[in-house]
Amino acid sequence: MPSPFAFPGDFRRLWIGQTISAFGDKVSRIALPTVALLGLGGTAWDVGLLAALRFLPFVLLGSVAGVWVDRLSCRRTMIHADVGRLVAMGSIPVAYLCGVLTLVQLFVVAGVVGVLTVFFEVAAQSYLPILAGPDGIVAGNERLQTSRAVAEVGGAAAAGGLMQLLGTALAIVADALSFLVSLVTLVRMRHREPPAVRSGERRSALKEAREGLAVLLSDVRLRALMFASTTVNLGVATANALVLVFAYDEGKLSTGAVGLAFAIGTAGLILGAVSSGAIARRFTLGGTLASSILLTGSGFLLLPVGGQGAALITLIAGQFLIGFADSVFNIHVLSLVQRVTPPEMMGRVNGTALSVVFGTGTLGGLAAGFVGTVFGTLPGLVISAGIICCGAVFVLVSPLRTIRAAEDVAAAR
């Protein structure tokens, strides 16, 4: 059977590199705050700041990264980002062995890695359509999403084992080495992108960034996807912040039980990733997007419906449904964006989209505090689920509802 990918060898290298990198990233996301708390006497505030320094750059620099990627080479951008992340993350175990590791260094490393990851992710999302080709976009996103879901499980397990075996600081070596593997796969790629076509006019980066937003808003399909994704992300971020409150305060669950529920949720991520293509062929792309949004909302709605008595059962079932629907939705949203967006605008559109996604995530965390305080945890989950389900409206009232298969995307206007 012929490969669906335009450059199968290079896509395989990208896939391997991304899989190993996702595995290492999960290790460092657990090990880095553990180093701060147990090794350097950090506080909960320090842990929160570490998380913010790694993810806030997506909000602030997504559009800037998009301009950069459209002006230069995706592959070269990814190589430079991997070199920088390798050096930054590798400095932690080196400083630990030398006895000079501090919280300030952790903050600097988290910030540097966060900034470079923005550029890497925008470039990777823009590079995949080139390596996969039009017929391989969905299959490529399915494989990458499956790998990342598996890395969530394997990386978490490996983090615990490595921290036990090597110590918390030295466990971060795994993430540094994952960047090295990703770097090697990129260097070995044979395909070279053609140089970007530039007009004779010298334009500012701000103007080019605005062009990315203009493309998102002018194309009715991209606009519907952006509004749907924004609504869903806002609701999910709000609900996620309330789920643990429900589990511990309302359900009186142990940490082990909560961990089991989230592990089963990861199994839903994997199942959704491997079956997303078959689901879309069976139910159409438009129907799949709308259904996955409603299924996500239903997963969160199970918690207040079941109440305190069935907290463990509804948390497990809800996390599985949410993970399953999240994979299906994300794979097809990303694939549609990559099919619809003009190649010369891919970086700016992806960068702007990432800024919106992480921006609504930040807003959702603040909304959770307000909703939970004013209305309570259970009503807050109902409100969050309602917000999520509203995202389906943007799909159902747009041309997206008529798209039956990936091949129909170009014709849907």
Protein backbone atom coordinates (compact mmCIF):
# COMPACT_ATOMS: atom_id res chain seq x y z
CA MET A 1 0.00 0.00 0.00
CA PRO A 2 1.55 3.34 -1.03
CA SER A 3 2.28 5.88 1.70
CA PRO A 4 -0.21 8.77 1.96
CA PHE A 5 2.67 11.16 2.70
CA ALA A 6 4.41 13.32 0.14
CA PHE A 7 7.81 12.76 1.80
CA PRO A 8 7.35 9.58 3.88
CA GLY A 9 10.95 9.31 5.06
CA ASP A 10 11.10 12.89 6.28
CA PHE A 11 7.66 12.69 7.87
CA ARG A 12 8.79 9.58 9.73
CA ARG A 13 11.80 11.51 11.04
CA LEU A 14 9.54 14.37 12.14
CA TRP A 15 7.21 11.90 13.83
CA ILE A 16 10.01 10.14 15.71
CA GLY A 17 11.55 13.41 16.84
CA GLN A 18 8.22 14.82 18.02
CA THR A 19 7.36 11.61 19.87
CA ILE A 20 10.64 11.50 21.79
CA SER A 21 10.43 15.23 22.47
CA ALA A 22 6.89 14.90 23.87
CA PHE A 23 8.10 12.08 26.11
CA GLY A 24 10.94 14.21 27.47
CA ASP A 25 8.69 17.24 27.89
CA LYS A 26 6.35 15.25 30.15
CA VAL A 27 9.33 14.22 32.29
CA SER A 28 10.48 17.82 32.74
CA ARG A 29 6.96 19.11 33.42
CA ILE A 30 6.91 16.82 36.46
CA ALA A 31 10.59 17.00 37.42
CA LEU A 32 11.08 20.77 37.11
CA PRO A 33 8.50 21.82 39.74
CA THR A 34 9.63 18.89 41.91
CA VAL A 35 13.19 20.27 41.85
CA ALA A 36 11.83 23.66 42.87
CA LEU A 37 9.75 22.28 45.73
CA LEU A 38 11.93 19.51 47.15
CA GLY A 39 15.42 20.54 46.09
CA LEU A 40 15.39 24.32 46.35
CA GLY A 41 12.75 25.05 48.98
CA GLY A 42 10.29 26.56 46.52
CA THR A 43 6.64 27.37 47.21
CA ALA A 44 3.37 26.89 45.35
CA TRP A 45 3.87 30.41 43.97
CA ASP A 46 7.20 29.33 42.48
CA VAL A 47 5.59 26.32 40.84
CA GLY A 48 2.86 28.50 39.37
CA LEU A 49 5.44 30.94 38.06
CA LEU A 50 7.37 28.10 36.39
CA ALA A 51 4.22 27.00 34.59
CA ALA A 52 3.41 30.56 33.53
CA LEU A 53 6.92 31.14 32.17
CA ARG A 54 6.65 28.08 29.97
CA PHE A 55 3.20 28.77 28.53
CA LEU A 56 2.62 32.53 28.66
CA PRO A 57 4.99 33.03 25.68
CA PHE A 58 2.37 31.35 23.47
CA VAL A 59 -0.03 34.18 24.26
CA LEU A 60 2.55 36.94 23.83
CA LEU A 61 4.67 35.63 20.95
CA GLY A 62 2.45 33.33 18.86
CA SER A 63 1.88 35.91 16.14
CA VAL A 64 5.54 36.99 16.18
CA ALA A 65 6.62 33.39 15.71
CA GLY A 66 4.19 33.08 12.82
CA VAL A 67 5.78 36.02 11.03
CA TRP A 68 9.23 34.55 11.61
CA VAL A 69 8.25 31.13 10.23
CA ASP A 70 6.64 32.62 7.11
CA ARG A 71 9.74 34.72 6.44
CA LEU A 72 12.27 31.93 7.02
CA SER A 73 12.54 28.12 6.92
CA CYS A 74 10.33 25.98 9.16
CA ARG A 75 13.02 23.31 9.41
CA ARG A 76 15.77 25.80 10.24
CA THR A 77 13.58 27.45 12.87
CA MET A 78 12.96 24.07 14.50
CA ILE A 79 16.68 23.23 14.47
CA HIS A 80 17.60 26.52 16.17
CA ALA A 81 14.83 26.03 18.73
CA ASP A 82 16.02 22.51 19.55
CA VAL A 83 19.62 23.66 19.99
CA GLY A 84 18.50 26.41 22.37
CA ARG A 85 16.22 24.10 24.36
CA LEU A 86 18.94 21.44 24.57
CA VAL A 87 21.42 23.95 26.04
CA ALA A 88 18.87 25.54 28.38
CA MET A 89 17.46 22.32 29.79
CA GLY A 90 20.88 20.66 29.93
CA SER A 91 22.17 23.50 32.10
CA ILE A 92 20.02 22.33 35.03
CA PRO A 93 21.71 18.98 35.73
CA VAL A 94 25.11 20.57 35.04
CA ALA A 95 24.42 23.33 37.58
CA TYR A 96 23.14 20.75 40.06
CA LEU A 97 26.31 18.66 39.77
CA CYS A 98 28.37 21.81 40.27
CA GLY A 99 26.32 22.77 43.32
CA VAL A 100 25.17 26.12 41.93
CA LEU A 101 21.55 25.40 40.93
CA THR A 102 19.08 28.12 42.05
CA LEU A 103 15.43 28.98 41.62
CA VAL A 104 16.41 31.92 39.44
CA GLN A 105 18.05 29.53 36.98
CA LEU A 106 14.90 27.40 36.90
CA PHE A 107 12.84 30.49 36.08
CA VAL A 108 15.24 31.55 33.33
CA VAL A 109 15.30 28.05 31.81
CA ALA A 110 11.50 27.78 31.91
CA GLY A 111 11.17 31.14 30.17
CA VAL A 112 13.77 30.39 27.50
CA VAL A 113 12.28 26.96 26.79
CA GLY A 114 8.80 28.49 26.66
CA VAL A 115 9.82 31.12 24.10
CA LEU A 116 11.70 28.63 21.91
CA THR A 117 8.82 26.14 22.12
CA VAL A 118 6.47 28.76 20.65
CA PHE A 119 8.68 29.07 17.59
CA PHE A 120 9.15 25.30 17.35
CA GLU A 121 5.43 24.49 17.57
CA VAL A 122 4.39 27.12 15.03
CA ALA A 123 7.09 25.88 12.64
CA ALA A 124 6.16 22.21 13.20
CA GLN A 125 2.47 22.84 12.49
CA SER A 126 3.43 24.73 9.36
CA TYR A 127 5.96 22.09 8.25
CA LEU A 128 3.68 19.08 8.57
CA PRO A 129 1.49 19.95 5.53
CA ILE A 130 4.66 20.24 3.43
CA LEU A 131 5.99 16.81 4.43
CA ALA A 132 2.62 15.06 4.56
CA GLY A 133 1.08 16.56 1.42
CA PRO A 134 -2.67 17.20 1.03
CA ASP A 135 -3.55 13.50 1.22
CA GLY A 136 -1.50 12.83 4.35
CA ILE A 137 -2.45 15.74 6.61
CA VAL A 138 -5.13 13.94 8.62
CA ALA A 139 -3.07 10.76 8.90
CA GLY A 140 -0.05 12.79 9.98
CA ASN A 141 -1.95 14.61 12.70
CA GLU A 142 -3.46 11.32 13.88
CA ARG A 143 0.00 9.81 14.34
CA LEU A 144 1.38 12.86 16.11
CA GLN A 145 -1.62 13.09 18.43
CA THR A 146 -1.40 9.38 19.23
CA SER A 147 2.30 9.69 20.04
CA ARG A 148 1.71 12.66 22.31
CA ALA A 149 -1.07 10.82 24.14
CA VAL A 150 1.15 7.78 24.67
CA ALA A 151 3.95 10.10 25.84
CA GLU A 152 1.63 11.50 28.50
CA VAL A 153 1.38 8.05 30.05
CA GLY A 154 4.92 6.83 29.40
CA GLY A 155 6.53 10.15 30.27
CA ALA A 156 4.71 10.37 33.60
CA ALA A 157 5.76 6.84 34.52
CA ALA A 158 9.34 7.47 33.39
CA ALA A 159 9.50 10.71 35.37
CA GLY A 160 8.73 8.89 38.59
CA GLY A 161 11.28 6.16 37.86
CA LEU A 162 14.03 8.56 36.78
CA MET A 163 13.53 10.84 39.76
CA GLN A 164 13.75 7.81 42.04
CA LEU A 165 16.84 6.45 40.28
CA LEU A 166 18.80 9.61 39.45
CA GLY A 167 17.30 12.31 41.61
CA THR A 168 14.97 15.11 40.55
CA ALA A 169 17.53 17.42 38.91
CA LEU A 170 19.33 14.69 36.97
CA ALA A 171 16.02 13.29 35.70
CA ILE A 172 15.77 16.44 33.55
CA VAL A 173 18.60 14.98 31.44
CA ALA A 174 15.87 12.93 29.73
CA ASP A 175 14.23 16.10 28.38
CA ALA A 176 17.57 17.55 27.24
CA LEU A 177 18.38 14.32 25.39
CA SER A 178 14.91 14.33 23.78
CA PHE A 179 15.75 17.69 22.20
CA LEU A 180 18.98 16.17 20.92
CA VAL A 181 17.07 13.32 19.26
CA SER A 182 14.63 15.79 17.70
CA LEU A 183 17.57 17.86 16.47
CA VAL A 184 19.22 14.85 14.83
CA THR A 185 16.00 13.87 13.01
CA LEU A 186 15.65 17.42 11.67
CA VAL A 187 19.26 17.60 10.51
CA ARG A 188 18.87 14.29 8.67
CA MET A 189 15.82 15.43 6.70
CA ARG A 190 16.42 15.48 2.95
CA HIS A 191 13.60 17.79 1.89
CA ARG A 192 14.46 21.46 1.67
CA GLU A 193 11.79 24.13 1.59
CA PRO A 194 11.82 26.58 -1.30
CA PRO A 195 12.73 30.13 -0.26
CA ALA A 196 9.80 32.26 0.77
CA VAL A 197 8.43 34.47 -1.96
CA ARG A 198 8.84 38.06 -0.84
CA SER A 199 7.39 41.18 -2.38
CA GLY A 200 9.63 44.16 -3.04
CA GLU A 201 7.78 46.14 -0.37
CA ARG A 202 9.47 46.28 3.02
CA ARG A 203 6.76 45.55 5.58
CA SER A 204 6.75 45.61 9.36
CA ALA A 205 6.35 42.45 11.41
CA LEU A 206 3.22 43.95 12.97
CA LYS A 207 1.61 44.39 9.58
CA GLU A 208 2.42 40.79 8.62
CA ALA A 209 1.06 39.53 11.93
CA ARG A 210 -2.19 41.37 11.23
CA GLU A 211 -2.38 39.59 7.90
CA GLY A 212 -2.52 36.27 9.74
CA LEU A 213 -5.48 37.46 11.80
CA ALA A 214 -7.09 38.88 8.65
CA VAL A 215 -6.90 35.46 6.96
CA LEU A 216 -8.49 33.83 10.01
CA LEU A 217 -11.36 36.31 9.98
CA SER A 218 -11.91 36.59 6.23
CA ASP A 219 -12.27 32.88 5.45
CA VAL A 220 -15.64 31.74 6.77
CA ARG A 221 -14.35 28.23 7.51
CA LEU A 222 -11.31 29.43 9.45
CA ARG A 223 -13.42 32.01 11.26
CA ALA A 224 -15.91 29.35 12.35
CA LEU A 225 -13.10 27.07 13.50
CA MET A 226 -11.50 29.89 15.50
CA PHE A 227 -14.74 30.87 17.24
CA ALA A 228 -15.61 27.22 17.94
CA SER A 229 -12.14 26.44 19.29
CA THR A 230 -12.05 29.62 21.40
CA THR A 231 -15.41 28.84 22.96
CA VAL A 232 -14.49 25.22 23.65
CA ASN A 233 -11.09 26.11 25.11
CA LEU A 234 -12.62 28.73 27.38
CA GLY A 235 -15.14 26.24 28.73
CA VAL A 236 -12.60 23.43 29.10
CA ALA A 237 -10.09 25.65 30.91
CA THR A 238 -12.82 26.81 33.28
CA ALA A 239 -14.06 23.27 33.92
CA ASN A 240 -10.57 21.78 34.34
CA ALA A 241 -9.83 24.21 37.15
CA LEU A 242 -13.03 23.06 38.93
CA VAL A 243 -12.61 19.30 38.40
CA LEU A 244 -9.99 18.85 41.12
CA VAL A 245 -12.03 20.98 43.51
CA PHE A 246 -14.98 18.67 42.85
CA ALA A 247 -12.88 15.52 43.23
CA TYR A 248 -11.29 16.44 46.56
CA ASP A 249 -13.88 18.69 48.22
CA GLU A 250 -17.17 17.29 46.91
CA GLY A 251 -16.26 13.70 46.07
CA LYS A 252 -13.80 13.19 48.95
CA LEU A 253 -11.57 11.15 46.63
CA SER A 254 -8.00 10.14 47.38
CA THR A 255 -5.05 11.29 45.30
CA GLY A 256 -4.66 7.71 44.03
CA ALA A 257 -8.24 7.60 42.80
CA VAL A 258 -7.88 10.95 41.06
CA GLY A 259 -4.65 9.80 39.44
CA LEU A 260 -6.40 6.65 38.16
CA ALA A 261 -9.20 8.73 36.66
CA PHE A 262 -6.77 10.98 34.79
CA ALA A 263 -4.78 7.95 33.56
CA ILE A 264 -7.97 6.51 32.08
CA GLY A 265 -8.61 9.88 30.50
CA THR A 266 -5.28 9.54 28.73
CA ALA A 267 -6.47 6.19 27.37
CA GLY A 268 -9.38 8.10 25.87
CA LEU A 269 -6.91 10.47 24.21
CA ILE A 270 -5.16 7.52 22.56
CA LEU A 271 -8.39 5.85 21.41
CA GLY A 272 -9.68 9.12 19.98
CA ALA A 273 -6.44 9.70 18.09
CA VAL A 274 -6.32 6.28 16.43
CA SER A 275 -10.01 6.27 15.51
CA SER A 276 -10.54 9.91 14.47
CA GLY A 277 -10.16 9.22 10.75
CA ALA A 278 -12.67 6.36 10.76
CA ILE A 279 -15.13 8.45 12.78
CA ALA A 280 -14.97 11.34 10.30
CA ARG A 281 -15.51 8.98 7.37
CA ARG A 282 -18.52 7.47 9.11
CA PHE A 283 -20.17 10.66 10.38
CA THR A 284 -18.69 13.39 8.10
CA LEU A 285 -16.16 15.98 9.21
CA GLY A 286 -18.74 18.63 10.10
CA GLY A 287 -20.75 16.19 12.19
CA THR A 288 -17.60 14.87 13.84
CA LEU A 289 -16.51 18.34 14.96
CA ALA A 290 -19.92 19.21 16.40
CA SER A 291 -20.33 15.82 18.08
CA SER A 292 -16.89 15.91 19.67
CA ILE A 293 -17.67 19.34 21.15
CA LEU A 294 -20.95 18.09 22.62
CA LEU A 295 -19.25 14.96 23.93
CA THR A 296 -16.63 17.09 25.68
CA GLY A 297 -19.32 19.14 27.38
CA SER A 298 -21.16 15.96 28.37
CA GLY A 299 -18.00 14.56 29.96
CA PHE A 300 -17.82 17.50 32.36
CA LEU A 301 -21.59 17.47 32.90
CA LEU A 302 -21.42 13.91 34.26
CA LEU A 303 -19.78 15.19 37.46
CA PRO A 304 -22.59 17.42 38.76
CA VAL A 305 -25.24 15.00 37.46
CA GLY A 306 -23.72 12.07 39.35
CA GLY A 307 -23.06 14.14 42.45
CA GLN A 308 -20.97 13.17 45.45
CA GLY A 309 -22.11 9.55 45.69
CA ALA A 310 -20.88 8.55 42.23
CA ALA A 311 -17.88 10.89 42.14
CA LEU A 312 -15.25 8.27 41.23
CA ILE A 313 -17.38 6.61 38.53
CA THR A 314 -18.39 9.88 36.89
CA LEU A 315 -14.85 11.27 37.10
CA ILE A 316 -13.43 8.18 35.36
CA ALA A 317 -16.17 8.12 32.71
CA GLY A 318 -15.98 11.87 32.22
CA GLN A 319 -12.20 11.96 31.81
CA PHE A 320 -12.36 9.14 29.27
CA LEU A 321 -15.04 10.89 27.20
CA ILE A 322 -13.23 14.23 27.41
CA GLY A 323 -9.91 12.70 26.36
CA PHE A 324 -11.53 10.83 23.47
CA ALA A 325 -13.43 13.86 22.18
CA ASP A 326 -10.44 16.19 22.67
CA SER A 327 -8.24 14.05 20.41
CA VAL A 328 -10.85 13.80 17.66
CA PHE A 329 -11.61 17.53 17.75
CA ASN A 330 -7.99 18.70 17.79
CA ILE A 331 -6.88 16.40 14.98
CA HIS A 332 -9.58 17.54 12.59
CA VAL A 333 -9.40 21.23 13.52
CA LEU A 334 -5.67 21.30 12.90
CA SER A 335 -6.02 19.29 9.68
CA LEU A 336 -8.72 21.61 8.36
CA VAL A 337 -6.65 24.70 9.16
CA GLN A 338 -3.65 23.20 7.38
CA ARG A 339 -5.75 22.36 4.30
CA VAL A 340 -7.52 25.70 4.04
CA THR A 341 -4.69 28.10 4.86
CA PRO A 342 -2.55 29.38 1.96
CA PRO A 343 0.99 27.95 2.32
CA GLU A 344 2.59 31.40 2.44
CA MET A 345 0.34 32.33 5.40
CA MET A 346 0.65 29.06 7.34
CA GLY A 347 3.02 30.35 10.01
CA ARG A 348 1.06 33.50 10.79
CA VAL A 349 -2.28 31.68 10.92
CA ASN A 350 -0.90 28.94 13.18
CA GLY A 351 0.85 31.48 15.40
CA THR A 352 -2.27 33.60 15.81
CA ALA A 353 -4.36 30.50 16.50
CA LEU A 354 -1.96 29.34 19.24
CA SER A 355 -2.10 32.80 20.85
CA VAL A 356 -5.88 32.60 20.93
CA VAL A 357 -5.88 29.05 22.32
CA PHE A 358 -3.50 29.81 25.18
CA GLY A 359 -5.11 33.18 25.80
CA THR A 360 -8.53 31.63 26.35
CA GLY A 361 -6.90 29.00 28.55
CA THR A 362 -5.53 31.73 30.80
CA LEU A 363 -8.90 33.50 30.84
CA GLY A 364 -10.61 30.22 31.68
CA GLY A 365 -8.51 29.78 34.80
CA LEU A 366 -9.63 33.23 36.00
CA ALA A 367 -13.23 32.48 35.06
CA ALA A 368 -13.14 29.28 37.12
CA GLY A 369 -12.24 31.25 40.24
CA PHE A 370 -15.14 33.63 39.66
CA VAL A 371 -17.72 30.99 38.75
CA GLY A 372 -16.68 28.63 41.54
CA THR A 373 -16.81 31.39 44.14
CA VAL A 374 -20.09 32.98 43.05
CA PHE A 375 -22.09 29.90 42.02
CA GLY A 376 -20.28 26.95 43.63
CA THR A 377 -18.35 24.02 42.17
CA LEU A 378 -21.24 21.92 40.81
CA PRO A 379 -23.14 24.82 39.20
CA GLY A 380 -19.79 26.05 37.89
CA LEU A 381 -19.25 22.74 36.10
CA VAL A 382 -22.73 22.98 34.57
CA ILE A 383 -21.98 26.51 33.34
CA SER A 384 -18.62 25.39 31.94
CA ALA A 385 -20.22 22.47 30.11
CA GLY A 386 -22.79 24.85 28.63
CA ILE A 387 -20.03 27.14 27.37
CA ILE A 388 -18.29 24.19 25.71
CA CYS A 389 -21.46 22.99 23.98
CA CYS A 390 -22.05 26.49 22.59
CA GLY A 391 -18.94 25.92 20.47
CA ALA A 392 -20.91 23.45 18.36
CA VAL A 393 -23.17 26.29 17.20
CA PHE A 394 -20.30 27.88 15.24
CA VAL A 395 -19.83 24.61 13.37
CA LEU A 396 -23.51 23.99 12.69
CA VAL A 397 -24.28 27.49 11.34
CA SER A 398 -21.23 27.62 9.05
CA PRO A 399 -20.20 25.83 5.84
CA LEU A 400 -18.27 23.40 8.04
CA ARG A 401 -21.48 21.44 8.59
CA THR A 402 -21.58 20.53 4.88
CA ILE A 403 -18.05 19.12 4.74
CA ARG A 404 -18.34 15.37 4.45
CA ALA A 405 -14.70 14.43 3.97
CA ALA A 406 -11.25 15.99 3.92
CA GLU A 407 -11.38 16.13 0.12
CA ASP A 408 -14.40 18.44 0.28
CA VAL A 409 -12.58 21.17 2.21
CA ALA A 410 -11.36 23.09 -0.83
CA ALA A 411 -14.86 23.24 -2.25
CA ALA A 412 -16.60 24.44 0.94
CA ARG A 413 -16.83 28.21 0.88
